[in-house]
PDB file of N, CA and C in Angstrom:
ATOM      1  N   UNK A   1     109.713  73.560  53.713  1.00  0.00           N
ATOM      2  CA  UNK A   1     110.822  72.841  53.319  1.00  0.00           C
ATOM      3  C   UNK A   1     111.336  73.350  51.869  1.00  0.00           C
ATOM      4  N   UNK A   2     112.558  73.532  51.744  1.00  0.00           N
ATOM      5  CA  UNK A   2     113.114  74.132  50.540  1.00  0.00           C
ATOM      6  C   UNK A   2     113.855  73.112  49.812  1.00  0.00           C
ATOM      7  N   UNK A   3     113.877  73.085  48.542  1.00  0.00           N
ATOM      8  CA  UNK A   3     114.809  72.138  47.771  1.00  0.00           C
ATOM      9  C   UNK A   3     115.811  72.895  47.124  1.00  0.00           C
ATOM     10  N   UNK A   4     116.978  72.339  46.887  1.00  0.00           N
ATOM     11  CA  UNK A   4     118.045  72.987  46.273  1.00  0.00           C
ATOM     12  C   UNK A   4     117.723  73.244  44.749  1.00  0.00           C
ATOM     13  N   UNK A   5     118.267  74.399  44.277  1.00  0.00           N
ATOM     14  CA  UNK A   5     118.079  74.730  42.919  1.00  0.00           C
ATOM     15  C   UNK A   5     119.180  73.865  42.183  1.00  0.00           C
ATOM     16  N   UNK A   6     118.769  73.139  41.090  1.00  0.00           N
ATOM     17  CA  UNK A   6     119.710  72.284  40.364  1.00  0.00           C
ATOM     18  C   UNK A   6     120.682  73.259  39.682  1.00  0.00           C
ATOM     19  N   UNK A   7     121.853  72.832  39.574  1.00  0.00           N
ATOM     20  CA  UNK A   7     122.832  73.624  38.908  1.00  0.00           C
ATOM     21  C   UNK A   7     122.720  73.647  37.337  1.00  0.00           C
ATOM     22  N   UNK A   8     123.037  74.676  36.702  1.00  0.00           N
ATOM     23  CA  UNK A   8     122.818  74.912  35.303  1.00  0.00           C
ATOM     24  C   UNK A   8     123.920  74.189  34.556  1.00  0.00           C
ATOM     25  N   UNK A   9     123.622  73.412  33.613  1.00  0.00           N
ATOM     26  CA  UNK A   9     124.677  72.879  32.687  1.00  0.00           C
ATOM     27  C   UNK A   9     125.351  73.905  31.835  1.00  0.00           C
ATOM     28  N   UNK A  10     126.444  73.625  31.258  1.00  0.00           N
ATOM     29  CA  UNK A  10     127.121  74.634  30.387  1.00  0.00           C
ATOM     30  C   UNK A  10     126.227  75.001  29.139  1.00  0.00           C
ATOM     31  N   UNK A  11     125.533  74.006  28.680  1.00  0.00           N
ATOM     32  CA  UNK A  11     124.752  74.353  27.335  1.00  0.00           C
ATOM     33  C   UNK A  11     123.319  74.674  27.637  1.00  0.00           C
ATOM     34  N   UNK A  12     122.816  74.571  28.849  1.00  0.00           N
ATOM     35  CA  UNK A  12     121.418  74.842  29.100  1.00  0.00           C
ATOM     36  C   UNK A  12     121.142  76.303  29.072  1.00  0.00           C
ATOM     37  N   UNK A  13     120.112  76.615  28.259  1.00  0.00           N
ATOM     38  CA  UNK A  13     119.670  78.099  28.044  1.00  0.00           C
ATOM     39  C   UNK A  13     118.755  78.464  29.197  1.00  0.00           C
ATOM     40  N   UNK A  14     118.840  79.726  29.553  1.00  0.00           N
ATOM     41  CA  UNK A  14     118.001  80.244  30.633  1.00  0.00           C
ATOM     42  C   UNK A  14     116.473  80.163  30.225  1.00  0.00           C
ATOM     43  N   UNK A  15     115.607  79.967  31.105  1.00  0.00           N
ATOM     44  CA  UNK A  15     114.175  79.881  30.872  1.00  0.00           C
ATOM     45  C   UNK A  15     113.687  81.306  30.662  1.00  0.00           C
ATOM     46  N   UNK A  16     112.469  81.389  30.166  1.00  0.00           N
ATOM     47  CA  UNK A  16     111.856  82.710  29.912  1.00  0.00           C
ATOM     48  C   UNK A  16     111.643  83.398  31.289  1.00  0.00           C
ATOM     49  N   UNK A  17     111.282  82.605  32.286  1.00  0.00           N
ATOM     50  CA  UNK A  17     111.071  83.156  33.674  1.00  0.00           C
ATOM     51  C   UNK A  17     112.370  83.630  34.226  1.00  0.00           C
ATOM     52  N   UNK A  18     113.500  83.007  34.045  1.00  0.00           N
ATOM     53  CA  UNK A  18     114.716  83.499  34.526  1.00  0.00           C
ATOM     54  C   UNK A  18     115.129  84.788  33.807  1.00  0.00           C
ATOM     55  N   UNK A  19     114.906  84.865  32.507  1.00  0.00           N
ATOM     56  CA  UNK A  19     115.215  86.089  31.755  1.00  0.00           C
ATOM     57  C   UNK A  19     114.373  87.197  32.286  1.00  0.00           C
ATOM     58  N   UNK A  20     113.080  86.937  32.488  1.00  0.00           N
ATOM     59  CA  UNK A  20     112.157  88.060  33.039  1.00  0.00           C
ATOM     60  C   UNK A  20     112.597  88.472  34.364  1.00  0.00           C
ATOM     61  N   UNK A  21     112.998  87.601  35.269  1.00  0.00           N
ATOM     62  CA  UNK A  21     113.435  87.900  36.566  1.00  0.00           C
ATOM     63  C   UNK A  21     114.702  88.776  36.559  1.00  0.00           C
ATOM     64  N   UNK A  22     115.619  88.359  35.572  1.00  0.00           N
ATOM     65  CA  UNK A  22     116.894  89.183  35.460  1.00  0.00           C
ATOM     66  C   UNK A  22     116.617  90.527  34.910  1.00  0.00           C
ATOM     67  N   UNK A  23     115.762  90.625  33.983  1.00  0.00           N
ATOM     68  CA  UNK A  23     115.353  92.018  33.436  1.00  0.00           C
ATOM     69  C   UNK A  23     114.612  92.820  34.539  1.00  0.00           C
ATOM     70  N   UNK A  24     113.835  92.226  35.313  1.00  0.00           N
ATOM     71  CA  UNK A  24     113.082  93.019  36.413  1.00  0.00           C
ATOM     72  C   UNK A  24     114.241  93.593  37.454  1.00  0.00           C
ATOM     73  N   UNK A  25     115.216  92.651  37.659  1.00  0.00           N
ATOM     74  CA  UNK A  25     116.203  93.096  38.578  1.00  0.00           C
ATOM     75  C   UNK A  25     117.014  94.281  37.984  1.00  0.00           C
ATOM     76  N   UNK A  26     117.450  94.135  36.724  1.00  0.00           N
ATOM     77  CA  UNK A  26     118.133  95.219  36.038  1.00  0.00           C
ATOM     78  C   UNK A  26     117.395  96.574  36.036  1.00  0.00           C
ATOM     79  N   UNK A  27     116.078  96.394  35.689  1.00  0.00           N
ATOM     80  CA  UNK A  27     115.226  97.557  35.655  1.00  0.00           C
ATOM     81  C   UNK A  27     115.059  98.204  37.038  1.00  0.00           C
ATOM     82  N   UNK A  28     115.036  97.445  38.093  1.00  0.00           N
ATOM     83  CA  UNK A  28     114.919  98.015  39.441  1.00  0.00           C
ATOM     84  C   UNK A  28     116.134  98.646  39.833  1.00  0.00           C
ATOM     85  N   UNK A  29     117.327  98.078  39.429  1.00  0.00           N
ATOM     86  CA  UNK A  29     118.571  98.716  39.784  1.00  0.00           C
ATOM     87  C   UNK A  29     118.713 100.063  38.991  1.00  0.00           C
ATOM     88  N   UNK A  30     118.321 100.031  37.787  1.00  0.00           N
ATOM     89  CA  UNK A  30     118.420 101.352  36.996  1.00  0.00           C
ATOM     90  C   UNK A  30     117.433 102.432  37.575  1.00  0.00           C
ATOM     91  N   UNK A  31     116.257 102.016  38.076  1.00  0.00           N
ATOM     92  CA  UNK A  31     115.444 102.970  38.775  1.00  0.00           C
ATOM     93  C   UNK A  31     115.997 103.459  40.009  1.00  0.00           C
ATOM     94  N   UNK A  32     116.840 102.672  40.647  1.00  0.00           N
ATOM     95  CA  UNK A  32     117.526 103.116  41.906  1.00  0.00           C
ATOM     96  C   UNK A  32     118.759 104.067  41.600  1.00  0.00           C
ATOM     97  N   UNK A  33     119.066 104.195  40.308  1.00  0.00           N
ATOM     98  CA  UNK A  33     120.156 105.020  40.006  1.00  0.00           C
ATOM     99  C   UNK A  33     121.420 104.460  39.586  1.00  0.00           C
ATOM    100  N   UNK A  34     121.413 102.994  39.450  1.00  0.00           N
ATOM    101  CA  UNK A  34     122.712 102.371  38.983  1.00  0.00           C
ATOM    102  C   UNK A  34     122.869 102.691  37.571  1.00  0.00           C
ATOM    103  N   UNK A  35     124.110 103.258  37.285  1.00  0.00           N
ATOM    104  CA  UNK A  35     124.397 103.736  35.946  1.00  0.00           C
ATOM    105  C   UNK A  35     124.750 102.575  35.009  1.00  0.00           C
ATOM    106  N   UNK A  36     125.484 101.504  35.616  1.00  0.00           N
ATOM    107  CA  UNK A  36     125.710 100.290  34.774  1.00  0.00           C
ATOM    108  C   UNK A  36     124.328  99.639  34.339  1.00  0.00           C
ATOM    109  N   UNK A  37     123.402  99.542  35.164  1.00  0.00           N
ATOM    110  CA  UNK A  37     122.129  98.949  34.785  1.00  0.00           C
ATOM    111  C   UNK A  37     121.393  99.762  33.751  1.00  0.00           C
ATOM    112  N   UNK A  38     121.488 101.067  33.929  1.00  0.00           N
ATOM    113  CA  UNK A  38     120.824 101.987  32.957  1.00  0.00           C
ATOM    114  C   UNK A  38     121.479 101.812  31.600  1.00  0.00           C
ATOM    115  N   UNK A  39     122.797 101.780  31.561  1.00  0.00           N
ATOM    116  CA  UNK A  39     123.653 101.632  30.384  1.00  0.00           C
ATOM    117  C   UNK A  39     123.295 100.369  29.739  1.00  0.00           C
ATOM    118  N   UNK A  40     123.155  99.276  30.427  1.00  0.00           N
ATOM    119  CA  UNK A  40     122.794  97.953  29.951  1.00  0.00           C
ATOM    120  C   UNK A  40     121.457  97.980  29.280  1.00  0.00           C
ATOM    121  N   UNK A  41     120.500  98.630  29.971  1.00  0.00           N
ATOM    122  CA  UNK A  41     119.158  98.698  29.317  1.00  0.00           C
ATOM    123  C   UNK A  41     119.116  99.496  28.028  1.00  0.00           C
ATOM    124  N   UNK A  42     119.912 100.555  27.998  1.00  0.00           N
ATOM    125  CA  UNK A  42     119.928 101.366  26.761  1.00  0.00           C
ATOM    126  C   UNK A  42     120.549 100.511  25.680  1.00  0.00           C
ATOM    127  N   UNK A  43     121.667  99.735  25.978  1.00  0.00           N
ATOM    128  CA  UNK A  43     122.342  99.043  24.926  1.00  0.00           C
ATOM    129  C   UNK A  43     121.478  97.883  24.536  1.00  0.00           C
ATOM    130  N   UNK A  44     120.754  97.173  25.379  1.00  0.00           N
ATOM    131  CA  UNK A  44     119.897  96.149  24.977  1.00  0.00           C
ATOM    132  C   UNK A  44     118.727  96.667  24.161  1.00  0.00           C
ATOM    133  N   UNK A  45     118.243  97.788  24.450  1.00  0.00           N
ATOM    134  CA  UNK A  45     117.079  98.316  23.708  1.00  0.00           C
ATOM    135  C   UNK A  45     117.525  98.691  22.332  1.00  0.00           C
ATOM    136  N   UNK A  46     118.753  99.179  22.158  1.00  0.00           N
ATOM    137  CA  UNK A  46     119.267  99.655  20.819  1.00  0.00           C
ATOM    138  C   UNK A  46     119.537  98.435  19.988  1.00  0.00           C
ATOM    139  N   UNK A  47     119.937  97.336  20.558  1.00  0.00           N
ATOM    140  CA  UNK A  47     120.381  96.135  19.742  1.00  0.00           C
ATOM    141  C   UNK A  47     119.338  94.981  19.738  1.00  0.00           C
ATOM    142  N   UNK A  48     118.197  95.278  20.438  1.00  0.00           N
ATOM    143  CA  UNK A  48     117.232  94.142  20.526  1.00  0.00           C
ATOM    144  C   UNK A  48     116.786  93.565  19.193  1.00  0.00           C
ATOM    145  N   UNK A  49     116.470  94.484  18.213  1.00  0.00           N
ATOM    146  CA  UNK A  49     116.002  93.961  17.033  1.00  0.00           C
ATOM    147  C   UNK A  49     117.002  93.177  16.209  1.00  0.00           C
ATOM    148  N   UNK A  50     118.226  93.616  16.285  1.00  0.00           N
ATOM    149  CA  UNK A  50     119.284  93.016  15.544  1.00  0.00           C
ATOM    150  C   UNK A  50     119.794  91.682  16.202  1.00  0.00           C
ATOM    151  N   UNK A  51     119.690  91.617  17.525  1.00  0.00           N
ATOM    152  CA  UNK A  51     120.386  90.470  18.234  1.00  0.00           C
ATOM    153  C   UNK A  51     119.544  90.084  19.349  1.00  0.00           C
ATOM    154  N   UNK A  52     118.459  89.273  19.078  1.00  0.00           N
ATOM    155  CA  UNK A  52     117.599  88.718  20.063  1.00  0.00           C
ATOM    156  C   UNK A  52     118.345  87.818  21.040  1.00  0.00           C
ATOM    157  N   UNK A  53     119.324  87.002  20.560  1.00  0.00           N
ATOM    158  CA  UNK A  53     120.050  86.072  21.460  1.00  0.00           C
ATOM    159  C   UNK A  53     120.955  86.790  22.318  1.00  0.00           C
ATOM    160  N   UNK A  54     121.259  88.110  22.158  1.00  0.00           N
ATOM    161  CA  UNK A  54     122.165  88.863  22.874  1.00  0.00           C
ATOM    162  C   UNK A  54     121.594  88.936  24.341  1.00  0.00           C
ATOM    163  N   UNK A  55     120.269  88.924  24.540  1.00  0.00           N
ATOM    164  CA  UNK A  55     119.757  89.082  25.917  1.00  0.00           C
ATOM    165  C   UNK A  55     120.142  87.967  26.693  1.00  0.00           C
ATOM    166  N   UNK A  56     120.128  86.742  26.221  1.00  0.00           N
ATOM    167  CA  UNK A  56     120.461  85.589  27.003  1.00  0.00           C
ATOM    168  C   UNK A  56     121.878  85.540  27.383  1.00  0.00           C
ATOM    169  N   UNK A  57     122.816  85.852  26.470  1.00  0.00           N
ATOM    170  CA  UNK A  57     124.241  85.947  26.789  1.00  0.00           C
ATOM    171  C   UNK A  57     124.572  87.041  27.747  1.00  0.00           C
ATOM    172  N   UNK A  58     124.028  88.225  27.571  1.00  0.00           N
ATOM    173  CA  UNK A  58     124.283  89.352  28.461  1.00  0.00           C
ATOM    174  C   UNK A  58     123.747  89.144  29.828  1.00  0.00           C
ATOM    175  N   UNK A  59     122.561  88.546  29.918  1.00  0.00           N
ATOM    176  CA  UNK A  59     121.948  88.410  31.197  1.00  0.00           C
ATOM    177  C   UNK A  59     122.373  87.117  31.943  1.00  0.00           C
ATOM    178  N   UNK A  60     123.079  86.272  31.347  1.00  0.00           N
ATOM    179  CA  UNK A  60     123.463  85.046  32.039  1.00  0.00           C
ATOM    180  C   UNK A  60     124.199  85.224  33.406  1.00  0.00           C
ATOM    181  N   UNK A  61     125.152  86.214  33.354  1.00  0.00           N
ATOM    182  CA  UNK A  61     125.778  86.534  34.756  1.00  0.00           C
ATOM    183  C   UNK A  61     124.762  87.010  35.830  1.00  0.00           C
ATOM    184  N   UNK A  62     123.843  87.783  35.370  1.00  0.00           N
ATOM    185  CA  UNK A  62     122.822  88.300  36.299  1.00  0.00           C
ATOM    186  C   UNK A  62     121.945  87.164  36.771  1.00  0.00           C
ATOM    187  N   UNK A  63     121.565  86.324  35.809  1.00  0.00           N
ATOM    188  CA  UNK A  63     120.732  85.176  36.300  1.00  0.00           C
ATOM    189  C   UNK A  63     121.521  84.263  37.233  1.00  0.00           C
ATOM    190  N   UNK A  64     122.722  83.999  37.025  1.00  0.00           N
ATOM    191  CA  UNK A  64     123.522  83.159  37.917  1.00  0.00           C
ATOM    192  C   UNK A  64     123.616  83.874  39.290  1.00  0.00           C
ATOM    193  N   UNK A  65     123.729  85.183  39.349  1.00  0.00           N
ATOM    194  CA  UNK A  65     123.787  85.923  40.561  1.00  0.00           C
ATOM    195  C   UNK A  65     122.406  85.819  41.380  1.00  0.00           C
ATOM    196  N   UNK A  66     121.355  85.802  40.636  1.00  0.00           N
ATOM    197  CA  UNK A  66     120.033  85.709  41.250  1.00  0.00           C
ATOM    198  C   UNK A  66     119.764  84.330  41.888  1.00  0.00           C
ATOM    199  N   UNK A  67     120.408  83.308  41.252  1.00  0.00           N
ATOM    200  CA  UNK A  67     120.227  81.948  41.657  1.00  0.00           C
ATOM    201  C   UNK A  67     120.913  81.678  42.976  1.00  0.00           C
ATOM    202  N   UNK A  68     121.778  82.469  43.464  1.00  0.00           N
ATOM    203  CA  UNK A  68     122.548  82.242  44.715  1.00  0.00           C
ATOM    204  C   UNK A  68     121.595  82.424  45.926  1.00  0.00           C
TER     205      UNK A  68
END
């Protein structure tokens, strides 16, 4: 029996597990040759130290896509 995933409110931040799942997805897409995913990883790596919150904002659409 499956239970529906509750919808995310506008102000709710993604959990660490959701961020990790999204990053794994982006990495796997980059490994498969997706140039957009590779560019995203390069951009995130370059700006990680300066903008830790950027990860959550950039990965929010990916996380929403994985919830479907």
